[in-house]
Amino acid sequence: MASRLNLLFQTAPKQFMERMVLFTHGLTSPESAALTWGKQVHHLDIEPVATRSSVRVLPNINAYADMPLESYFVPAAGFALVPKEDPPCRFVFFPEFAGCRLLVQSKEAGWLRIECETGLGGAMPAPESQKDSRYVDSFAYWDYTRGHLVGRIRATTVLVKDPGEPWTVYMQQIVGTPGHEVVRELHWRRLRY
């Protein structure tokens, strides 16, 4: 049961991510991988976990107890193709984003190729700034995770498409001991393409 979290997220994704911890690590489980394999659009569901929330994959639209949340998903070290304008789904989810970077390529006929690069150990130069780069934009965990932070700093990233606006990336920085995590900061900006 999603406790209306799908509806709350879709109504105001920025405000939801500012206040509610949203874990996406379950999207990479073997069960989720089997449900997402070979599909472009996925049935995702936000479920409560005490005072936090977690995203899971549902097998089909009939499994919802809440408002349907049909979305794109970029697997770790993988990619997804999404329309630049008027997409059938407004959201792109990523696996847990700690140590990751999303990369954006502009493809022909109005499509974006969104990649998820994983396992980065620190800040790196933006690939789009390199000569003859195939990338038009990027957004990296390490560009926003610096300073006097102690412990495991987790992150959740979601792209949101509002009508008439470019895709916007939101990265939720999550801190705290297991079971008591909170949102430390929400970093966001519109993608350039």
N, C-alpha and C. Protein backbone atom coordinates (compact mmCIF):
# COMPACT_ATOMS: atom_id res chain seq x y z
N MET A 1 0.84 -1.18 0.00
CA MET A 1 0.00 0.00 0.00
C MET A 1 0.88 1.24 0.00
N ALA A 2 0.62 2.17 -0.89
CA ALA A 2 1.48 3.34 -1.06
C ALA A 2 1.08 4.52 -0.19
N SER A 3 -0.02 4.48 0.50
CA SER A 3 -0.45 5.55 1.41
C SER A 3 -0.50 6.91 0.73
N ARG A 4 -0.91 6.93 -0.51
CA ARG A 4 -1.06 8.15 -1.31
C ARG A 4 0.27 8.84 -1.59
N LEU A 5 1.39 8.17 -1.38
CA LEU A 5 2.69 8.79 -1.64
C LEU A 5 2.90 9.03 -3.13
N ASN A 6 2.38 8.15 -4.00
CA ASN A 6 2.50 8.37 -5.44
C ASN A 6 1.83 9.69 -5.83
N LEU A 7 0.63 9.90 -5.30
CA LEU A 7 -0.12 11.13 -5.58
C LEU A 7 0.63 12.35 -5.05
N LEU A 8 1.12 12.29 -3.83
CA LEU A 8 1.87 13.42 -3.25
C LEU A 8 3.12 13.73 -4.06
N PHE A 9 3.84 12.69 -4.48
CA PHE A 9 5.06 12.89 -5.26
C PHE A 9 4.74 13.54 -6.61
N GLN A 10 3.72 13.04 -7.30
CA GLN A 10 3.39 13.56 -8.63
C GLN A 10 2.85 14.98 -8.57
N THR A 11 2.16 15.32 -7.50
CA THR A 11 1.59 16.66 -7.35
C THR A 11 2.67 17.71 -7.13
N ALA A 12 3.67 17.39 -6.32
CA ALA A 12 4.73 18.35 -5.97
C ALA A 12 6.05 17.62 -5.74
N PRO A 13 6.72 17.17 -6.82
CA PRO A 13 7.95 16.37 -6.63
C PRO A 13 9.06 17.10 -5.88
N LYS A 14 9.25 18.39 -6.15
CA LYS A 14 10.31 19.13 -5.47
C LYS A 14 10.05 19.19 -3.96
N GLN A 15 8.84 19.55 -3.59
CA GLN A 15 8.50 19.65 -2.18
C GLN A 15 8.54 18.28 -1.50
N PHE A 16 8.12 17.24 -2.19
CA PHE A 16 8.20 15.89 -1.65
C PHE A 16 9.64 15.54 -1.33
N MET A 17 10.55 15.80 -2.30
CA MET A 17 11.95 15.44 -2.11
C MET A 17 12.67 16.34 -1.11
N GLU A 18 12.16 17.53 -0.86
CA GLU A 18 12.74 18.40 0.17
C GLU A 18 12.46 17.86 1.57
N ARG A 19 11.33 17.16 1.72
CA ARG A 19 10.88 16.78 3.06
C ARG A 19 10.95 15.28 3.37
N MET A 20 10.77 14.45 2.35
CA MET A 20 10.62 13.01 2.56
C MET A 20 11.81 12.24 1.96
N VAL A 21 12.53 11.51 2.78
CA VAL A 21 13.60 10.66 2.27
C VAL A 21 12.98 9.65 1.30
N LEU A 22 13.59 9.54 0.12
CA LEU A 22 13.10 8.64 -0.92
C LEU A 22 14.25 7.72 -1.34
N PHE A 23 14.21 6.48 -0.91
CA PHE A 23 15.24 5.51 -1.28
C PHE A 23 14.91 4.86 -2.61
N THR A 24 15.92 4.66 -3.45
CA THR A 24 15.71 3.99 -4.74
C THR A 24 16.57 2.74 -4.89
N HIS A 25 17.25 2.32 -3.83
CA HIS A 25 18.13 1.15 -3.94
C HIS A 25 17.37 -0.13 -4.30
N GLY A 26 16.09 -0.20 -3.97
CA GLY A 26 15.29 -1.38 -4.31
C GLY A 26 15.07 -1.56 -5.80
N LEU A 27 15.29 -0.51 -6.58
CA LEU A 27 15.10 -0.61 -8.03
C LEU A 27 16.17 -1.49 -8.70
N THR A 28 17.23 -1.80 -7.97
CA THR A 28 18.30 -2.63 -8.54
C THR A 28 18.29 -4.06 -8.00
N SER A 29 17.26 -4.44 -7.27
CA SER A 29 17.17 -5.81 -6.76
C SER A 29 16.98 -6.78 -7.94
N PRO A 30 17.31 -8.05 -7.78
CA PRO A 30 17.09 -9.02 -8.86
C PRO A 30 15.62 -9.09 -9.30
N GLU A 31 14.70 -8.96 -8.35
CA GLU A 31 13.27 -8.98 -8.71
C GLU A 31 12.90 -7.79 -9.57
N SER A 32 13.41 -6.60 -9.20
CA SER A 32 13.14 -5.40 -9.98
C SER A 32 13.79 -5.47 -11.35
N ALA A 33 15.00 -5.99 -11.40
CA ALA A 33 15.69 -6.11 -12.69
C ALA A 33 14.90 -7.00 -13.65
N ALA A 34 14.31 -8.06 -13.13
CA ALA A 34 13.50 -8.95 -13.97
C ALA A 34 12.26 -8.22 -14.50
N LEU A 35 11.68 -7.33 -13.70
CA LEU A 35 10.48 -6.61 -14.12
C LEU A 35 10.79 -5.44 -15.07
N THR A 36 12.01 -4.90 -15.02
CA THR A 36 12.35 -3.76 -15.86
C THR A 36 13.08 -4.14 -17.14
N TRP A 37 13.55 -5.37 -17.22
CA TRP A 37 14.35 -5.80 -18.37
C TRP A 37 13.57 -5.64 -19.68
N GLY A 38 14.17 -4.92 -20.62
CA GLY A 38 13.60 -4.79 -21.96
C GLY A 38 12.40 -3.86 -22.07
N LYS A 39 12.10 -3.10 -21.02
CA LYS A 39 10.97 -2.18 -21.06
C LYS A 39 11.47 -0.74 -20.99
N GLN A 40 10.77 0.15 -21.67
CA GLN A 40 11.12 1.56 -21.60
C GLN A 40 10.38 2.28 -20.49
N VAL A 41 9.12 1.95 -20.29
CA VAL A 41 8.29 2.58 -19.26
C VAL A 41 8.02 1.55 -18.17
N HIS A 42 8.08 2.01 -16.91
CA HIS A 42 7.96 1.11 -15.77
C HIS A 42 6.87 1.57 -14.81
N HIS A 43 6.25 0.63 -14.13
CA HIS A 43 5.25 0.91 -13.11
C HIS A 43 5.97 0.95 -11.76
N LEU A 44 6.22 2.16 -11.26
CA LEU A 44 6.90 2.32 -9.98
C LEU A 44 5.89 2.69 -8.91
N ASP A 45 6.25 2.41 -7.68
CA ASP A 45 5.36 2.65 -6.56
C ASP A 45 6.19 3.14 -5.38
N ILE A 46 5.77 4.22 -4.76
CA ILE A 46 6.44 4.74 -3.57
C ILE A 46 5.69 4.22 -2.36
N GLU A 47 6.41 3.49 -1.51
CA GLU A 47 5.79 2.91 -0.33
C GLU A 47 6.43 3.48 0.93
N PRO A 48 5.68 3.59 2.02
CA PRO A 48 6.23 4.13 3.25
C PRO A 48 7.15 3.13 3.94
N VAL A 49 8.22 3.66 4.55
CA VAL A 49 9.14 2.88 5.37
C VAL A 49 9.36 3.72 6.63
N ALA A 50 8.54 3.49 7.64
CA ALA A 50 8.53 4.31 8.87
C ALA A 50 8.30 5.77 8.47
N THR A 51 9.26 6.65 8.74
CA THR A 51 9.11 8.07 8.38
C THR A 51 9.77 8.40 7.05
N ARG A 52 10.20 7.38 6.34
CA ARG A 52 10.87 7.56 5.05
C ARG A 52 10.03 6.87 3.98
N SER A 53 10.56 6.80 2.76
CA SER A 53 9.85 6.10 1.70
C SER A 53 10.84 5.41 0.78
N SER A 54 10.33 4.45 0.03
CA SER A 54 11.16 3.67 -0.87
C SER A 54 10.39 3.40 -2.16
N VAL A 55 11.11 3.35 -3.27
CA VAL A 55 10.49 3.09 -4.57
C VAL A 55 10.69 1.63 -4.91
N ARG A 56 9.63 1.02 -5.44
CA ARG A 56 9.71 -0.37 -5.89
C ARG A 56 9.05 -0.47 -7.27
N VAL A 57 9.31 -1.57 -7.94
CA VAL A 57 8.72 -1.83 -9.26
C VAL A 57 7.52 -2.74 -9.09
N LEU A 58 6.43 -2.40 -9.74
CA LEU A 58 5.25 -3.25 -9.76
C LEU A 58 5.18 -3.99 -11.10
N PRO A 59 4.56 -5.17 -11.12
CA PRO A 59 4.54 -5.94 -12.37
C PRO A 59 3.65 -5.34 -13.46
N ASN A 60 2.61 -4.60 -13.07
CA ASN A 60 1.71 -4.01 -14.07
C ASN A 60 0.84 -2.95 -13.43
N ILE A 61 0.06 -2.27 -14.25
CA ILE A 61 -0.77 -1.16 -13.77
C ILE A 61 -1.88 -1.63 -12.82
N ASN A 62 -2.26 -2.88 -12.90
CA ASN A 62 -3.33 -3.39 -12.02
C ASN A 62 -2.86 -3.63 -10.58
N ALA A 63 -1.57 -3.54 -10.33
CA ALA A 63 -1.04 -3.80 -8.98
C ALA A 63 -1.05 -2.56 -8.09
N TYR A 64 -1.44 -1.41 -8.60
CA TYR A 64 -1.44 -0.18 -7.81
C TYR A 64 -2.55 -0.15 -6.78
N ALA A 65 -2.23 0.34 -5.59
CA ALA A 65 -3.24 0.65 -4.58
C ALA A 65 -3.38 2.17 -4.49
N ASP A 66 -2.47 2.88 -5.13
CA ASP A 66 -2.41 4.33 -5.15
C ASP A 66 -2.51 4.77 -6.61
N MET A 67 -2.34 6.04 -6.84
CA MET A 67 -2.34 6.58 -8.21
C MET A 67 -1.16 5.99 -8.98
N PRO A 68 -1.37 5.54 -10.23
CA PRO A 68 -0.25 4.98 -11.01
C PRO A 68 0.89 5.98 -11.16
N LEU A 69 2.11 5.47 -11.08
CA LEU A 69 3.33 6.25 -11.24
C LEU A 69 4.16 5.58 -12.34
N GLU A 70 3.81 5.88 -13.57
CA GLU A 70 4.54 5.31 -14.70
C GLU A 70 5.73 6.22 -15.00
N SER A 71 6.91 5.61 -15.08
CA SER A 71 8.15 6.38 -15.17
C SER A 71 9.17 5.65 -16.03
N TYR A 72 10.21 6.41 -16.37
CA TYR A 72 11.40 5.82 -16.98
C TYR A 72 12.36 5.45 -15.84
N PHE A 73 13.29 4.54 -16.12
CA PHE A 73 14.29 4.15 -15.15
C PHE A 73 15.62 3.96 -15.86
N VAL A 74 16.68 4.58 -15.33
CA VAL A 74 18.02 4.42 -15.87
C VAL A 74 18.77 3.48 -14.94
N PRO A 75 19.09 2.27 -15.39
CA PRO A 75 19.81 1.34 -14.51
C PRO A 75 21.26 1.77 -14.29
N ALA A 76 21.86 1.26 -13.23
CA ALA A 76 23.27 1.55 -12.95
C ALA A 76 24.11 1.14 -14.15
N ALA A 77 25.00 2.02 -14.57
CA ALA A 77 25.87 1.81 -15.73
C ALA A 77 25.05 1.52 -16.99
N GLY A 78 23.84 2.05 -17.05
CA GLY A 78 22.97 1.86 -18.20
C GLY A 78 22.45 3.18 -18.72
N PHE A 79 21.40 3.12 -19.56
CA PHE A 79 20.83 4.33 -20.12
C PHE A 79 19.35 4.14 -20.41
N ALA A 80 18.70 5.28 -20.67
CA ALA A 80 17.31 5.29 -21.12
C ALA A 80 17.16 6.38 -22.16
N LEU A 81 16.29 6.15 -23.13
CA LEU A 81 15.95 7.17 -24.11
C LEU A 81 14.64 7.81 -23.69
N VAL A 82 14.63 9.14 -23.59
CA VAL A 82 13.43 9.86 -23.19
C VAL A 82 13.18 11.00 -24.17
N PRO A 83 11.91 11.29 -24.45
CA PRO A 83 11.60 12.42 -25.33
C PRO A 83 11.99 13.75 -24.70
N LYS A 84 12.46 14.69 -25.53
CA LYS A 84 12.80 16.02 -25.03
C LYS A 84 11.54 16.79 -24.65
N GLU A 85 10.49 16.65 -25.41
CA GLU A 85 9.25 17.39 -25.19
C GLU A 85 8.05 16.44 -25.14
N ASP A 86 7.07 16.78 -24.36
CA ASP A 86 5.80 16.05 -24.26
C ASP A 86 5.97 14.54 -24.08
N PRO A 87 6.74 14.11 -23.08
CA PRO A 87 6.91 12.67 -22.87
C PRO A 87 5.64 12.05 -22.27
N PRO A 88 5.40 10.78 -22.53
CA PRO A 88 4.25 10.13 -21.91
C PRO A 88 4.42 9.96 -20.40
N CYS A 89 5.66 9.98 -19.92
CA CYS A 89 5.96 9.89 -18.48
C CYS A 89 6.78 11.10 -18.07
N ARG A 90 6.45 11.70 -16.93
CA ARG A 90 7.10 12.92 -16.45
C ARG A 90 8.33 12.69 -15.60
N PHE A 91 8.65 11.44 -15.26
CA PHE A 91 9.71 11.18 -14.30
C PHE A 91 10.71 10.17 -14.84
N VAL A 92 11.98 10.38 -14.46
CA VAL A 92 13.05 9.42 -14.73
C VAL A 92 13.72 9.14 -13.39
N PHE A 93 13.69 7.88 -12.96
CA PHE A 93 14.31 7.47 -11.70
C PHE A 93 15.67 6.84 -11.97
N PHE A 94 16.54 6.94 -10.99
CA PHE A 94 17.88 6.36 -11.03
C PHE A 94 18.05 5.45 -9.82
N PRO A 95 19.01 4.51 -9.87
CA PRO A 95 19.31 3.75 -8.66
C PRO A 95 19.94 4.70 -7.63
N GLU A 96 20.26 4.18 -6.45
CA GLU A 96 20.91 5.05 -5.47
C GLU A 96 22.05 5.78 -6.15
N PHE A 97 22.14 7.10 -5.93
CA PHE A 97 22.98 7.97 -6.75
C PHE A 97 24.33 8.31 -6.10
N ALA A 98 24.67 7.76 -4.95
CA ALA A 98 25.95 8.05 -4.31
C ALA A 98 27.09 7.61 -5.23
N GLY A 99 28.03 8.52 -5.48
CA GLY A 99 29.17 8.23 -6.33
C GLY A 99 28.83 8.11 -7.81
N CYS A 100 27.71 8.67 -8.23
CA CYS A 100 27.26 8.55 -9.63
C CYS A 100 27.25 9.89 -10.34
N ARG A 101 27.08 9.79 -11.66
CA ARG A 101 26.93 10.99 -12.49
C ARG A 101 25.98 10.65 -13.61
N LEU A 102 25.04 11.55 -13.89
CA LEU A 102 24.19 11.34 -15.05
C LEU A 102 24.78 12.11 -16.22
N LEU A 103 24.71 11.51 -17.38
CA LEU A 103 25.26 12.08 -18.61
C LEU A 103 24.14 12.21 -19.62
N VAL A 104 24.12 13.33 -20.33
CA VAL A 104 23.04 13.61 -21.27
C VAL A 104 23.59 13.77 -22.68
N GLN A 105 23.00 13.02 -23.60
CA GLN A 105 23.30 13.17 -25.03
C GLN A 105 22.03 13.58 -25.74
N SER A 106 22.14 14.50 -26.69
CA SER A 106 20.99 14.89 -27.49
C SER A 106 20.99 14.01 -28.73
N LYS A 107 19.88 13.28 -28.92
CA LYS A 107 19.77 12.38 -30.06
C LYS A 107 18.83 12.97 -31.10
N GLU A 108 18.89 12.41 -32.30
CA GLU A 108 18.03 12.88 -33.38
C GLU A 108 16.55 12.69 -33.04
N ALA A 109 15.72 13.40 -33.76
CA ALA A 109 14.26 13.26 -33.66
C ALA A 109 13.72 13.55 -32.26
N GLY A 110 14.35 14.47 -31.53
CA GLY A 110 13.76 14.92 -30.27
C GLY A 110 13.94 14.01 -29.08
N TRP A 111 14.99 13.21 -29.04
CA TRP A 111 15.21 12.29 -27.93
C TRP A 111 16.47 12.66 -27.15
N LEU A 112 16.49 12.31 -25.88
CA LEU A 112 17.68 12.42 -25.03
C LEU A 112 18.09 11.03 -24.60
N ARG A 113 19.38 10.79 -24.62
CA ARG A 113 19.92 9.55 -24.06
C ARG A 113 20.49 9.93 -22.69
N ILE A 114 19.90 9.37 -21.64
CA ILE A 114 20.32 9.66 -20.27
C ILE A 114 21.07 8.44 -19.75
N GLU A 115 22.34 8.63 -19.38
CA GLU A 115 23.17 7.54 -18.88
C GLU A 115 23.45 7.73 -17.39
N CYS A 116 23.75 6.63 -16.71
CA CYS A 116 24.13 6.67 -15.30
C CYS A 116 25.51 6.04 -15.16
N GLU A 117 26.49 6.89 -14.88
CA GLU A 117 27.86 6.43 -14.65
C GLU A 117 28.03 6.20 -13.15
N THR A 118 28.52 5.04 -12.77
CA THR A 118 28.60 4.68 -11.35
C THR A 118 30.05 4.55 -10.88
N GLY A 119 30.22 4.47 -9.57
CA GLY A 119 31.52 4.16 -8.98
C GLY A 119 32.54 5.27 -9.02
N LEU A 120 32.12 6.51 -9.10
CA LEU A 120 33.07 7.63 -9.13
C LEU A 120 33.55 7.91 -7.72
N GLY A 121 34.86 8.06 -7.55
CA GLY A 121 35.45 8.26 -6.23
C GLY A 121 35.65 9.71 -5.85
N GLY A 122 35.31 10.64 -6.73
CA GLY A 122 35.48 12.06 -6.43
C GLY A 122 35.06 12.89 -7.62
N ALA A 123 35.21 14.21 -7.46
CA ALA A 123 34.82 15.14 -8.52
C ALA A 123 35.70 14.93 -9.76
N MET A 124 35.07 15.07 -10.89
CA MET A 124 35.76 14.92 -12.18
C MET A 124 35.33 16.08 -13.09
N PRO A 125 36.15 16.42 -14.09
CA PRO A 125 35.73 17.46 -15.02
C PRO A 125 34.45 17.06 -15.75
N ALA A 126 33.62 18.03 -16.04
CA ALA A 126 32.38 17.76 -16.76
C ALA A 126 32.72 17.27 -18.17
N PRO A 127 32.17 16.12 -18.59
CA PRO A 127 32.53 15.59 -19.90
C PRO A 127 32.08 16.49 -21.05
N GLU A 128 31.02 17.26 -20.86
CA GLU A 128 30.55 18.13 -21.94
C GLU A 128 31.51 19.28 -22.22
N SER A 129 32.43 19.56 -21.27
CA SER A 129 33.40 20.64 -21.47
C SER A 129 34.60 20.19 -22.29
N GLN A 130 34.72 18.91 -22.55
CA GLN A 130 35.83 18.38 -23.34
C GLN A 130 35.58 18.62 -24.83
N LYS A 131 36.64 18.84 -25.56
CA LYS A 131 36.54 19.07 -27.00
C LYS A 131 35.94 17.83 -27.68
N ASP A 132 35.03 18.04 -28.59
CA ASP A 132 34.37 16.97 -29.37
C ASP A 132 33.61 15.97 -28.49
N SER A 133 33.10 16.42 -27.36
CA SER A 133 32.34 15.54 -26.48
C SER A 133 30.99 15.21 -27.10
N ARG A 134 30.53 14.00 -26.90
CA ARG A 134 29.20 13.62 -27.36
C ARG A 134 28.12 14.02 -26.36
N TYR A 135 28.53 14.48 -25.18
CA TYR A 135 27.59 14.86 -24.13
C TYR A 135 27.29 16.35 -24.18
N VAL A 136 26.02 16.71 -23.87
CA VAL A 136 25.62 18.11 -23.84
C VAL A 136 25.46 18.62 -22.42
N ASP A 137 25.38 17.71 -21.44
CA ASP A 137 25.24 18.11 -20.04
C ASP A 137 25.55 16.91 -19.15
N SER A 138 25.81 17.21 -17.87
CA SER A 138 26.02 16.16 -16.87
C SER A 138 25.63 16.72 -15.51
N PHE A 139 25.43 15.82 -14.55
CA PHE A 139 25.09 16.20 -13.18
C PHE A 139 25.71 15.14 -12.29
N ALA A 140 26.60 15.54 -11.38
CA ALA A 140 27.36 14.57 -10.60
C ALA A 140 27.16 14.72 -9.10
N TYR A 141 27.09 13.58 -8.43
CA TYR A 141 26.98 13.50 -6.97
C TYR A 141 28.10 14.29 -6.30
N TRP A 142 29.33 14.13 -6.78
CA TRP A 142 30.48 14.74 -6.12
C TRP A 142 30.54 16.25 -6.31
N ASP A 143 29.81 16.81 -7.25
CA ASP A 143 29.78 18.26 -7.40
C ASP A 143 29.01 18.93 -6.26
N TYR A 144 28.20 18.15 -5.54
CA TYR A 144 27.36 18.70 -4.48
C TYR A 144 27.64 18.07 -3.11
N THR A 145 28.53 17.10 -3.05
CA THR A 145 28.82 16.39 -1.81
C THR A 145 30.26 16.70 -1.41
N ARG A 146 30.41 17.76 -0.63
CA ARG A 146 31.73 18.22 -0.20
C ARG A 146 31.62 18.79 1.20
N GLY A 147 32.77 19.15 1.75
CA GLY A 147 32.76 19.85 3.03
C GLY A 147 32.86 18.90 4.21
N HIS A 148 32.32 19.33 5.30
CA HIS A 148 32.44 18.62 6.58
C HIS A 148 31.28 17.66 6.79
N LEU A 149 31.19 16.67 5.95
CA LEU A 149 30.14 15.66 6.07
C LEU A 149 30.75 14.40 6.65
N VAL A 150 30.09 13.79 7.60
CA VAL A 150 30.60 12.60 8.27
C VAL A 150 29.62 11.46 8.05
N GLY A 151 30.15 10.27 7.89
CA GLY A 151 29.30 9.10 7.74
C GLY A 151 28.92 8.85 6.29
N ARG A 152 27.99 7.95 6.13
CA ARG A 152 27.53 7.58 4.78
C ARG A 152 26.55 8.65 4.28
N ILE A 153 26.88 9.27 3.17
CA ILE A 153 26.03 10.28 2.56
C ILE A 153 25.39 9.63 1.34
N ARG A 154 24.09 9.40 1.43
CA ARG A 154 23.36 8.75 0.35
C ARG A 154 22.73 9.81 -0.53
N ALA A 155 22.24 9.37 -1.69
CA ALA A 155 21.59 10.32 -2.60
C ALA A 155 20.56 9.62 -3.46
N THR A 156 19.50 10.34 -3.74
CA THR A 156 18.46 9.89 -4.66
C THR A 156 18.31 10.98 -5.72
N THR A 157 18.27 10.56 -6.98
CA THR A 157 18.13 11.50 -8.08
C THR A 157 16.93 11.12 -8.95
N VAL A 158 16.16 12.14 -9.31
CA VAL A 158 14.99 11.96 -10.17
C VAL A 158 14.97 13.12 -11.16
N LEU A 159 14.67 12.83 -12.43
CA LEU A 159 14.42 13.87 -13.42
C LEU A 159 12.91 14.09 -13.49
N VAL A 160 12.52 15.36 -13.60
CA VAL A 160 11.10 15.72 -13.68
C VAL A 160 10.90 16.61 -14.89
N LYS A 161 9.84 16.33 -15.66
CA LYS A 161 9.51 17.14 -16.84
C LYS A 161 8.19 17.85 -16.60
N ASP A 162 8.26 19.17 -16.48
CA ASP A 162 7.06 19.99 -16.38
C ASP A 162 6.75 20.56 -17.76
N PRO A 163 5.47 20.77 -18.08
CA PRO A 163 5.10 21.28 -19.41
C PRO A 163 5.81 22.60 -19.75
N GLY A 164 6.37 22.67 -20.95
CA GLY A 164 7.02 23.88 -21.41
C GLY A 164 8.39 24.15 -20.82
N GLU A 165 8.88 23.28 -19.96
CA GLU A 165 10.19 23.44 -19.31
C GLU A 165 11.11 22.30 -19.72
N PRO A 166 12.43 22.52 -19.66
CA PRO A 166 13.34 21.39 -19.89
C PRO A 166 13.25 20.40 -18.73
N TRP A 167 13.78 19.20 -18.93
CA TRP A 167 13.87 18.24 -17.84
C TRP A 167 14.66 18.89 -16.71
N THR A 168 14.23 18.66 -15.47
CA THR A 168 14.91 19.20 -14.29
C THR A 168 15.41 18.05 -13.45
N VAL A 169 16.67 18.14 -13.01
CA VAL A 169 17.24 17.09 -12.16
C VAL A 169 17.14 17.54 -10.70
N TYR A 170 16.70 16.62 -9.85
CA TYR A 170 16.63 16.83 -8.40
C TYR A 170 17.47 15.76 -7.74
N MET A 171 18.44 16.17 -6.90
CA MET A 171 19.23 15.21 -6.14
C MET A 171 19.04 15.48 -4.66
N GLN A 172 18.52 14.49 -3.98
CA GLN A 172 18.27 14.55 -2.55
C GLN A 172 19.49 13.99 -1.83
N GLN A 173 20.10 14.80 -0.98
CA GLN A 173 21.25 14.35 -0.19
C GLN A 173 20.71 13.84 1.15
N ILE A 174 21.01 12.57 1.46
CA ILE A 174 20.43 11.90 2.62
C ILE A 174 21.54 11.60 3.63
N VAL A 175 21.31 11.99 4.89
CA VAL A 175 22.28 11.74 5.96
C VAL A 175 21.57 11.10 7.14
N GLY A 176 22.37 10.55 8.05
CA GLY A 176 21.80 9.98 9.28
C GLY A 176 22.14 8.51 9.42
N THR A 177 21.94 8.01 10.62
CA THR A 177 22.19 6.61 10.88
C THR A 177 21.06 5.77 10.28
N PRO A 178 21.34 4.50 9.95
CA PRO A 178 20.30 3.66 9.37
C PRO A 178 19.04 3.62 10.22
N GLY A 179 17.91 3.87 9.57
CA GLY A 179 16.64 3.92 10.25
C GLY A 179 16.24 5.31 10.71
N HIS A 180 17.19 6.25 10.68
CA HIS A 180 16.92 7.62 11.13
C HIS A 180 17.42 8.64 10.11
N GLU A 181 17.41 8.28 8.85
CA GLU A 181 17.90 9.17 7.80
C GLU A 181 16.97 10.36 7.61
N VAL A 182 17.57 11.49 7.20
CA VAL A 182 16.81 12.70 6.89
C VAL A 182 17.38 13.33 5.61
N VAL A 183 16.59 14.21 5.02
CA VAL A 183 17.05 14.96 3.86
C VAL A 183 17.91 16.12 4.37
N ARG A 184 19.17 16.14 3.98
CA ARG A 184 20.06 17.24 4.37
C ARG A 184 19.86 18.43 3.45
N GLU A 185 19.89 18.17 2.13
CA GLU A 185 19.73 19.22 1.14
C GLU A 185 19.10 18.64 -0.12
N LEU A 186 18.47 19.50 -0.87
CA LEU A 186 17.97 19.13 -2.19
C LEU A 186 18.66 20.04 -3.19
N HIS A 187 19.40 19.44 -4.11
CA HIS A 187 20.08 20.19 -5.17
C HIS A 187 19.30 19.97 -6.45
N TRP A 188 19.11 21.02 -7.23
CA TRP A 188 18.37 20.88 -8.46
C TRP A 188 18.77 21.93 -9.48
N ARG A 189 18.58 21.59 -10.75
CA ARG A 189 18.75 22.52 -11.85
C ARG A 189 18.16 21.94 -13.12
N ARG A 190 17.86 22.81 -14.06
CA ARG A 190 17.35 22.36 -15.36
C ARG A 190 18.50 21.83 -16.20
N LEU A 191 18.23 20.75 -16.93
CA LEU A 191 19.24 20.20 -17.82
C LEU A 191 19.41 21.11 -19.03
N ARG A 192 20.63 21.10 -19.57
CA ARG A 192 20.93 21.87 -20.79
C ARG A 192 21.01 20.90 -21.95
N TYR A 193 20.18 21.14 -22.94
CA TYR A 193 20.23 20.32 -24.15
C TYR A 193 19.71 21.10 -25.33
